[in-house]
Amino acid sequence: MATGQPGSALEVEIARLGDLDLSALRRRWRALFGRAAPEHLSRALLERVIAYRMQAQAYGDLSRE
């Protein structure tokens, strides 16, 4: 973080996604989306989409417009 302040709980949680194994990422996906993650998604994409979803839930998603 640029301010030198400790990260928020959400930032820490997102940073820890990189420590999860693939099955744990898939469990996290299921918890967030209510369905299984698509099998073809790479680990990197799973992490990014999960992080986006966590932020959208915390701060609000993009408007449909």
Protein backbone atom coordinates (compact mmCIF):
# COMPACT_ATOMS: atom_id res chain seq x y z
CA MET A 1 0.00 0.00 0.00
CA ALA A 2 1.34 3.41 -0.88
CA THR A 3 0.51 5.02 2.47
CA GLY A 4 2.68 2.64 4.45
CA GLN A 5 -0.34 1.72 6.57
CA PRO A 6 -1.13 -1.92 7.31
CA GLY A 7 -3.55 -3.38 4.77
CA SER A 8 -7.24 -3.60 5.46
CA ALA A 9 -8.70 -6.97 6.34
CA LEU A 10 -9.95 -7.29 2.77
CA GLU A 11 -6.52 -6.53 1.31
CA VAL A 12 -4.95 -9.13 3.56
CA GLU A 13 -7.60 -11.68 2.62
CA ILE A 14 -7.03 -11.02 -1.08
CA ALA A 15 -3.26 -11.26 -0.67
CA ARG A 16 -3.71 -14.66 0.98
CA LEU A 17 -5.50 -16.06 -2.07
CA GLY A 18 -2.05 -16.72 -3.52
CA ASP A 19 -1.32 -19.05 -0.61
CA LEU A 20 -4.32 -21.28 -1.31
CA ASP A 21 -4.01 -24.47 -3.31
CA LEU A 22 -6.24 -25.00 -6.33
CA SER A 23 -8.88 -27.00 -4.46
CA ALA A 24 -9.11 -24.30 -1.77
CA LEU A 25 -9.53 -21.64 -4.49
CA ARG A 26 -12.33 -23.69 -6.03
CA ARG A 27 -14.02 -23.99 -2.60
CA ARG A 28 -13.71 -20.23 -2.17
CA TRP A 29 -15.28 -19.72 -5.61
CA ARG A 30 -18.19 -21.96 -4.66
CA ALA A 31 -18.73 -20.01 -1.44
CA LEU A 32 -18.75 -16.68 -3.29
CA PHE A 33 -20.69 -17.63 -6.42
CA GLY A 34 -22.87 -20.49 -5.18
CA ARG A 35 -21.69 -22.83 -7.94
CA ALA A 36 -18.58 -24.68 -9.01
CA ALA A 37 -15.82 -22.79 -10.80
CA PRO A 38 -15.53 -23.52 -14.51
CA GLU A 39 -12.94 -26.24 -14.99
CA HIS A 40 -11.13 -24.41 -17.79
CA LEU A 41 -10.17 -21.36 -15.68
CA SER A 42 -6.51 -21.08 -14.81
CA ARG A 43 -5.36 -20.61 -11.24
CA ALA A 44 -4.38 -17.00 -11.99
CA LEU A 45 -7.81 -16.21 -13.40
CA LEU A 46 -9.54 -17.90 -10.46
CA GLU A 47 -7.56 -15.69 -8.07
CA ARG A 48 -8.37 -12.52 -10.03
CA VAL A 49 -12.09 -13.21 -10.33
CA ILE A 50 -12.37 -14.18 -6.66
CA ALA A 51 -10.52 -11.00 -5.64
CA TYR A 52 -12.80 -8.91 -7.86
CA ARG A 53 -15.90 -10.52 -6.38
CA MET A 54 -14.67 -9.94 -2.83
CA GLN A 55 -14.07 -6.27 -3.60
CA ALA A 56 -17.43 -5.91 -5.35
CA GLN A 57 -19.19 -7.33 -2.31
CA ALA A 58 -17.29 -5.02 0.03
CA TYR A 59 -17.41 -1.79 -1.98
CA GLY A 60 -20.18 -2.31 -4.53
CA ASP A 61 -20.05 -3.67 -8.06
CA LEU A 62 -20.01 -1.77 -11.33
CA SER A 63 -23.37 -0.43 -12.46
CA ARG A 64 -25.05 -2.27 -15.32
CA GLU A 65 -24.95 0.96 -17.33
